[in-house]
Amino acid sequence: MNLSAIASIPGVLQACVTDDGGHLLANCGELDPPSAAVLVLGHATLTAAAEMGRRFGAGDCIEIVQQHEGGCVYLHGLPRRCVLIVRCRDDSSISELRNAAMNLSPTNEISVSTTGAFDVSSAMHAEPAW
């Protein structure tokens, strides 16, 4: 399965794959590619959840669904320390998205696209509005 199949799910605005270095490996959807800071934060979010799960004895985190004011974000761990990040209008597509993500895995055909150097300081200092 490729990202265009995930991006074609009703309600999905964008799907992208990032590695642990904040590189955009693949992107598909209606929106511009996310900034490197967003990619770093997405990977860090799933990594932190995995650490919490291991410390609780529940194991690695496989996926996270985040509810936001303007929609939701779905994070799914992939092989080779990659993360699928999907932005959705709402959570109505999560079930179908979850099934599609289970069949997705980065291959050698996914090449690193050129992105600007990521701004680690903005990623490290991100704070919630509340």
N, C-alpha and C. Protein backbone atom coordinates (compact mmCIF):
# COMPACT_ATOMS: atom_id res chain seq x y z
N MET A 1 0.85 -1.18 0.00
CA MET A 1 0.00 0.00 0.00
C MET A 1 0.88 1.23 0.00
N ASN A 2 0.42 2.28 -0.68
CA ASN A 2 1.18 3.52 -0.71
C ASN A 2 0.41 4.64 -0.03
N LEU A 3 1.05 5.76 0.11
CA LEU A 3 0.42 6.88 0.81
C LEU A 3 -0.77 7.45 0.06
N SER A 4 -0.79 7.35 -1.25
CA SER A 4 -1.93 7.89 -1.98
C SER A 4 -3.21 7.14 -1.62
N ALA A 5 -3.11 5.86 -1.31
CA ALA A 5 -4.28 5.10 -0.88
C ALA A 5 -4.77 5.60 0.48
N ILE A 6 -3.84 5.93 1.36
CA ILE A 6 -4.22 6.47 2.67
C ILE A 6 -4.81 7.87 2.50
N ALA A 7 -4.19 8.69 1.66
CA ALA A 7 -4.68 10.06 1.45
C ALA A 7 -6.05 10.08 0.78
N SER A 8 -6.41 9.00 0.10
CA SER A 8 -7.71 8.95 -0.57
C SER A 8 -8.85 8.54 0.36
N ILE A 9 -8.55 8.16 1.59
CA ILE A 9 -9.59 7.81 2.56
C ILE A 9 -10.37 9.09 2.87
N PRO A 10 -11.71 9.03 2.81
CA PRO A 10 -12.50 10.23 3.10
C PRO A 10 -12.15 10.83 4.47
N GLY A 11 -11.93 12.13 4.50
CA GLY A 11 -11.60 12.82 5.74
C GLY A 11 -10.12 13.02 5.96
N VAL A 12 -9.27 12.30 5.21
CA VAL A 12 -7.83 12.45 5.35
C VAL A 12 -7.36 13.65 4.52
N LEU A 13 -6.66 14.56 5.17
CA LEU A 13 -6.13 15.74 4.50
C LEU A 13 -4.71 15.53 4.01
N GLN A 14 -3.92 14.78 4.78
CA GLN A 14 -2.51 14.61 4.45
C GLN A 14 -1.95 13.39 5.14
N ALA A 15 -1.07 12.70 4.45
CA ALA A 15 -0.35 11.57 5.04
C ALA A 15 1.13 11.74 4.69
N CYS A 16 1.98 11.54 5.67
CA CYS A 16 3.42 11.64 5.42
C CYS A 16 4.16 10.62 6.28
N VAL A 17 5.37 10.33 5.87
CA VAL A 17 6.24 9.42 6.61
C VAL A 17 7.52 10.18 6.93
N THR A 18 7.95 10.09 8.18
CA THR A 18 9.18 10.74 8.62
C THR A 18 10.08 9.71 9.31
N ASP A 19 11.36 10.00 9.32
CA ASP A 19 12.29 9.13 10.05
C ASP A 19 12.67 9.82 11.35
N ASP A 20 13.55 9.20 12.10
CA ASP A 20 13.92 9.75 13.41
C ASP A 20 14.83 10.97 13.31
N GLY A 21 15.23 11.34 12.11
CA GLY A 21 16.04 12.54 11.93
C GLY A 21 15.23 13.74 11.48
N GLY A 22 13.91 13.58 11.39
CA GLY A 22 13.06 14.68 10.96
C GLY A 22 13.01 14.87 9.46
N HIS A 23 13.42 13.85 8.70
CA HIS A 23 13.38 13.94 7.25
C HIS A 23 12.03 13.49 6.72
N LEU A 24 11.50 14.21 5.76
CA LEU A 24 10.26 13.83 5.10
C LEU A 24 10.59 12.77 4.06
N LEU A 25 10.12 11.55 4.29
CA LEU A 25 10.41 10.45 3.37
C LEU A 25 9.36 10.31 2.28
N ALA A 26 8.11 10.66 2.60
CA ALA A 26 7.02 10.59 1.63
C ALA A 26 5.91 11.52 2.11
N ASN A 27 5.16 12.06 1.15
CA ASN A 27 4.08 12.98 1.48
C ASN A 27 3.01 12.89 0.42
N CYS A 28 1.76 12.92 0.83
CA CYS A 28 0.65 12.87 -0.11
C CYS A 28 -0.57 13.52 0.53
N GLY A 29 -1.33 14.25 -0.27
CA GLY A 29 -2.56 14.84 0.25
C GLY A 29 -2.78 16.24 -0.24
N GLU A 30 -3.80 16.89 0.33
CA GLU A 30 -4.25 18.21 -0.08
C GLU A 30 -3.36 19.35 0.43
N LEU A 31 -2.60 19.11 1.47
CA LEU A 31 -1.86 20.18 2.14
C LEU A 31 -0.39 20.21 1.72
N ASP A 32 0.24 21.35 1.95
CA ASP A 32 1.68 21.46 1.73
C ASP A 32 2.40 20.51 2.67
N PRO A 33 3.60 20.07 2.30
CA PRO A 33 4.35 19.20 3.22
C PRO A 33 4.55 19.88 4.57
N PRO A 34 4.50 19.10 5.65
CA PRO A 34 4.69 19.68 6.98
C PRO A 34 6.12 20.16 7.17
N SER A 35 6.27 21.09 8.08
CA SER A 35 7.62 21.59 8.39
C SER A 35 8.41 20.50 9.10
N ALA A 36 9.70 20.66 9.10
CA ALA A 36 10.57 19.69 9.79
C ALA A 36 10.28 19.67 11.28
N ALA A 37 9.91 20.82 11.86
CA ALA A 37 9.58 20.85 13.29
C ALA A 37 8.38 19.96 13.58
N VAL A 38 7.38 19.96 12.70
CA VAL A 38 6.21 19.10 12.88
C VAL A 38 6.63 17.63 12.79
N LEU A 39 7.50 17.31 11.85
CA LEU A 39 7.97 15.93 11.70
C LEU A 39 8.72 15.47 12.95
N VAL A 40 9.58 16.34 13.47
CA VAL A 40 10.34 16.01 14.69
C VAL A 40 9.38 15.80 15.85
N LEU A 41 8.40 16.69 15.99
CA LEU A 41 7.43 16.56 17.08
C LEU A 41 6.59 15.29 16.96
N GLY A 42 6.19 14.94 15.74
CA GLY A 42 5.43 13.71 15.54
C GLY A 42 6.21 12.49 15.95
N HIS A 43 7.47 12.43 15.55
CA HIS A 43 8.32 11.30 15.92
C HIS A 43 8.57 11.28 17.42
N ALA A 44 8.83 12.45 17.99
CA ALA A 44 9.09 12.54 19.44
C ALA A 44 7.87 12.14 20.25
N THR A 45 6.68 12.49 19.76
CA THR A 45 5.44 12.15 20.47
C THR A 45 5.28 10.64 20.55
N LEU A 46 5.46 9.96 19.42
CA LEU A 46 5.32 8.51 19.42
C LEU A 46 6.44 7.85 20.23
N THR A 47 7.64 8.40 20.17
CA THR A 47 8.76 7.87 20.95
C THR A 47 8.50 8.01 22.44
N ALA A 48 8.00 9.17 22.87
CA ALA A 48 7.70 9.38 24.29
C ALA A 48 6.60 8.44 24.77
N ALA A 49 5.58 8.24 23.93
CA ALA A 49 4.51 7.32 24.30
C ALA A 49 5.03 5.88 24.39
N ALA A 50 5.96 5.52 23.53
CA ALA A 50 6.55 4.18 23.59
C ALA A 50 7.34 4.00 24.88
N GLU A 51 8.07 5.02 25.27
CA GLU A 51 8.84 4.95 26.52
C GLU A 51 7.91 4.81 27.72
N MET A 52 6.83 5.58 27.72
CA MET A 52 5.86 5.48 28.80
C MET A 52 5.27 4.07 28.85
N GLY A 53 4.91 3.53 27.70
CA GLY A 53 4.35 2.18 27.65
C GLY A 53 5.32 1.13 28.17
N ARG A 54 6.59 1.27 27.80
CA ARG A 54 7.60 0.32 28.29
C ARG A 54 7.74 0.43 29.81
N ARG A 55 7.74 1.65 30.34
CA ARG A 55 7.88 1.83 31.79
C ARG A 55 6.67 1.31 32.55
N PHE A 56 5.50 1.36 31.93
CA PHE A 56 4.29 0.80 32.54
C PHE A 56 4.19 -0.70 32.33
N GLY A 57 5.11 -1.27 31.54
CA GLY A 57 5.07 -2.69 31.25
C GLY A 57 4.11 -3.07 30.14
N ALA A 58 3.65 -2.08 29.36
CA ALA A 58 2.70 -2.33 28.28
C ALA A 58 3.38 -2.50 26.92
N GLY A 59 4.68 -2.26 26.85
CA GLY A 59 5.41 -2.40 25.59
C GLY A 59 5.40 -1.12 24.77
N ASP A 60 5.91 -1.23 23.54
CA ASP A 60 6.01 -0.08 22.65
C ASP A 60 4.64 0.44 22.23
N CYS A 61 4.58 1.72 21.94
CA CYS A 61 3.36 2.34 21.43
C CYS A 61 3.29 2.09 19.93
N ILE A 62 2.16 1.61 19.46
CA ILE A 62 1.97 1.33 18.04
C ILE A 62 1.32 2.52 17.34
N GLU A 63 0.36 3.15 18.00
CA GLU A 63 -0.34 4.26 17.37
C GLU A 63 -0.90 5.22 18.42
N ILE A 64 -1.13 6.44 17.97
CA ILE A 64 -1.74 7.48 18.81
C ILE A 64 -2.74 8.22 17.94
N VAL A 65 -3.91 8.51 18.50
CA VAL A 65 -4.89 9.38 17.85
C VAL A 65 -5.00 10.62 18.74
N GLN A 66 -4.68 11.76 18.17
CA GLN A 66 -4.75 13.02 18.91
C GLN A 66 -5.95 13.82 18.42
N GLN A 67 -6.79 14.25 19.36
CA GLN A 67 -7.93 15.11 19.04
C GLN A 67 -7.50 16.56 19.21
N HIS A 68 -7.72 17.37 18.20
CA HIS A 68 -7.36 18.78 18.24
C HIS A 68 -8.58 19.63 17.90
N GLU A 69 -8.48 20.91 18.14
CA GLU A 69 -9.60 21.81 17.83
C GLU A 69 -9.97 21.78 16.35
N GLY A 70 -8.97 21.64 15.48
CA GLY A 70 -9.20 21.68 14.04
C GLY A 70 -9.11 20.34 13.37
N GLY A 71 -9.41 19.26 14.07
CA GLY A 71 -9.34 17.93 13.46
C GLY A 71 -8.57 16.97 14.35
N CYS A 72 -8.02 15.94 13.73
CA CYS A 72 -7.22 15.00 14.52
C CYS A 72 -5.96 14.62 13.76
N VAL A 73 -5.01 14.11 14.50
CA VAL A 73 -3.73 13.64 13.96
C VAL A 73 -3.56 12.20 14.39
N TYR A 74 -3.22 11.36 13.44
CA TYR A 74 -3.00 9.93 13.68
C TYR A 74 -1.52 9.66 13.49
N LEU A 75 -0.89 9.06 14.48
CA LEU A 75 0.52 8.67 14.42
C LEU A 75 0.60 7.15 14.49
N HIS A 76 1.39 6.55 13.62
CA HIS A 76 1.52 5.09 13.59
C HIS A 76 2.99 4.74 13.39
N GLY A 77 3.52 3.91 14.27
CA GLY A 77 4.91 3.48 14.17
C GLY A 77 5.11 2.50 13.03
N LEU A 78 6.17 2.71 12.27
CA LEU A 78 6.52 1.86 11.13
C LEU A 78 7.90 1.25 11.37
N PRO A 79 8.25 0.23 10.62
CA PRO A 79 9.61 -0.34 10.74
C PRO A 79 10.68 0.70 10.41
N ARG A 80 11.88 0.41 10.80
CA ARG A 80 13.06 1.25 10.55
C ARG A 80 12.95 2.61 11.22
N ARG A 81 12.27 2.66 12.39
CA ARG A 81 12.14 3.88 13.19
C ARG A 81 11.50 5.02 12.42
N CYS A 82 10.55 4.68 11.57
CA CYS A 82 9.78 5.68 10.83
C CYS A 82 8.40 5.84 11.45
N VAL A 83 7.76 6.96 11.17
CA VAL A 83 6.44 7.24 11.71
C VAL A 83 5.54 7.75 10.58
N LEU A 84 4.34 7.19 10.52
CA LEU A 84 3.30 7.68 9.63
C LEU A 84 2.54 8.75 10.40
N ILE A 85 2.41 9.94 9.81
CA ILE A 85 1.66 11.04 10.42
C ILE A 85 0.53 11.39 9.45
N VAL A 86 -0.70 11.33 9.94
CA VAL A 86 -1.86 11.61 9.09
C VAL A 86 -2.71 12.69 9.75
N ARG A 87 -3.01 13.71 8.99
CA ARG A 87 -3.90 14.77 9.47
C ARG A 87 -5.28 14.54 8.88
N CYS A 88 -6.29 14.53 9.74
CA CYS A 88 -7.68 14.24 9.33
C CYS A 88 -8.60 15.39 9.73
N ARG A 89 -9.71 15.51 9.02
CA ARG A 89 -10.72 16.52 9.37
C ARG A 89 -11.31 16.25 10.75
N ASP A 90 -11.57 14.97 11.02
CA ASP A 90 -12.13 14.55 12.30
C ASP A 90 -11.77 13.08 12.51
N ASP A 91 -12.31 12.46 13.53
CA ASP A 91 -11.92 11.08 13.83
C ASP A 91 -12.78 10.03 13.12
N SER A 92 -13.64 10.44 12.20
CA SER A 92 -14.53 9.48 11.53
C SER A 92 -13.78 8.51 10.62
N SER A 93 -12.59 8.86 10.19
CA SER A 93 -11.84 7.98 9.28
C SER A 93 -10.81 7.11 10.00
N ILE A 94 -10.74 7.19 11.32
CA ILE A 94 -9.68 6.49 12.05
C ILE A 94 -9.75 4.98 11.87
N SER A 95 -10.92 4.40 11.89
CA SER A 95 -11.03 2.94 11.75
C SER A 95 -10.47 2.47 10.41
N GLU A 96 -10.88 3.12 9.33
CA GLU A 96 -10.37 2.76 8.00
C GLU A 96 -8.88 3.07 7.89
N LEU A 97 -8.47 4.18 8.47
CA LEU A 97 -7.06 4.58 8.45
C LEU A 97 -6.21 3.57 9.20
N ARG A 98 -6.70 3.11 10.34
CA ARG A 98 -5.99 2.12 11.15
C ARG A 98 -5.75 0.84 10.34
N ASN A 99 -6.76 0.37 9.63
CA ASN A 99 -6.61 -0.83 8.80
C ASN A 99 -5.60 -0.62 7.68
N ALA A 100 -5.65 0.54 7.04
CA ALA A 100 -4.71 0.84 5.96
C ALA A 100 -3.28 0.96 6.47
N ALA A 101 -3.10 1.56 7.64
CA ALA A 101 -1.76 1.76 8.20
C ALA A 101 -1.09 0.44 8.54
N MET A 102 -1.87 -0.55 8.93
CA MET A 102 -1.29 -1.86 9.26
C MET A 102 -0.64 -2.52 8.04
N ASN A 103 -1.07 -2.11 6.84
CA ASN A 103 -0.51 -2.69 5.62
C ASN A 103 0.59 -1.85 5.01
N LEU A 104 0.89 -0.73 5.62
CA LEU A 104 1.90 0.18 5.09
C LEU A 104 3.24 -0.09 5.74
N SER A 105 4.28 -0.14 4.94
CA SER A 105 5.61 -0.24 5.50
C SER A 105 6.59 0.40 4.54
N PRO A 106 7.49 1.22 5.05
CA PRO A 106 8.44 1.88 4.15
C PRO A 106 9.31 0.84 3.47
N THR A 107 9.58 1.07 2.22
CA THR A 107 10.43 0.17 1.45
C THR A 107 11.65 0.93 1.00
N ASN A 108 12.53 0.25 0.34
CA ASN A 108 13.72 0.91 -0.19
C ASN A 108 13.36 1.91 -1.29
N GLU A 109 12.12 1.82 -1.81
CA GLU A 109 11.70 2.74 -2.86
C GLU A 109 11.38 4.12 -2.32
N ILE A 110 11.17 4.25 -1.00
CA ILE A 110 10.91 5.56 -0.42
C ILE A 110 12.25 6.27 -0.26
N SER A 111 12.38 7.38 -0.94
CA SER A 111 13.65 8.11 -0.86
C SER A 111 13.45 9.36 -0.01
N VAL A 112 14.52 9.80 0.59
CA VAL A 112 14.46 11.00 1.42
C VAL A 112 14.31 12.21 0.51
N SER A 113 13.26 12.98 0.71
CA SER A 113 13.08 14.19 -0.08
C SER A 113 13.88 15.31 0.56
N THR A 114 14.17 16.31 -0.21
CA THR A 114 14.96 17.42 0.29
C THR A 114 14.09 18.36 1.09
N THR A 115 14.44 18.53 2.35
CA THR A 115 13.76 19.50 3.19
C THR A 115 14.82 20.39 3.80
N GLY A 116 14.41 21.57 4.18
CA GLY A 116 15.34 22.47 4.84
C GLY A 116 15.76 21.91 6.18
N ALA A 117 16.82 22.46 6.71
CA ALA A 117 17.27 22.02 8.03
C ALA A 117 16.15 22.28 9.03
N PHE A 118 15.89 21.29 9.88
CA PHE A 118 14.79 21.49 10.82
C PHE A 118 15.22 22.35 11.98
N ASP A 119 14.25 23.06 12.48
CA ASP A 119 14.46 23.99 13.58
C ASP A 119 14.18 23.25 14.88
N VAL A 120 15.21 22.65 15.45
CA VAL A 120 15.05 21.86 16.66
C VAL A 120 14.57 22.72 17.82
N SER A 121 15.00 23.97 17.86
CA SER A 121 14.60 24.81 18.99
C SER A 121 13.09 25.01 19.03
N SER A 122 12.44 25.19 17.87
CA SER A 122 10.99 25.37 17.90
C SER A 122 10.30 24.07 18.25
N ALA A 123 10.86 22.94 17.87
CA ALA A 123 10.28 21.65 18.22
C ALA A 123 10.45 21.38 19.71
N MET A 124 11.58 21.73 20.27
CA MET A 124 11.88 21.44 21.67
C MET A 124 11.12 22.40 22.62
N HIS A 125 10.73 23.56 22.12
CA HIS A 125 10.08 24.54 22.99
C HIS A 125 8.58 24.64 22.72
N ALA A 126 8.04 23.69 22.00
CA ALA A 126 6.60 23.71 21.73
C ALA A 126 5.85 23.47 23.03
N GLU A 127 4.87 24.30 23.29
CA GLU A 127 4.07 24.18 24.50
C GLU A 127 2.60 24.24 24.14
N PRO A 128 1.78 23.52 24.86
CA PRO A 128 0.34 23.61 24.59
C PRO A 128 -0.20 24.98 24.97
N ALA A 129 -1.28 25.36 24.31
CA ALA A 129 -1.90 26.67 24.58
C ALA A 129 -2.53 26.71 25.97
N TRP A 130 -2.88 25.58 26.53
CA TRP A 130 -3.53 25.58 27.83
C TRP A 130 -2.51 25.62 28.92
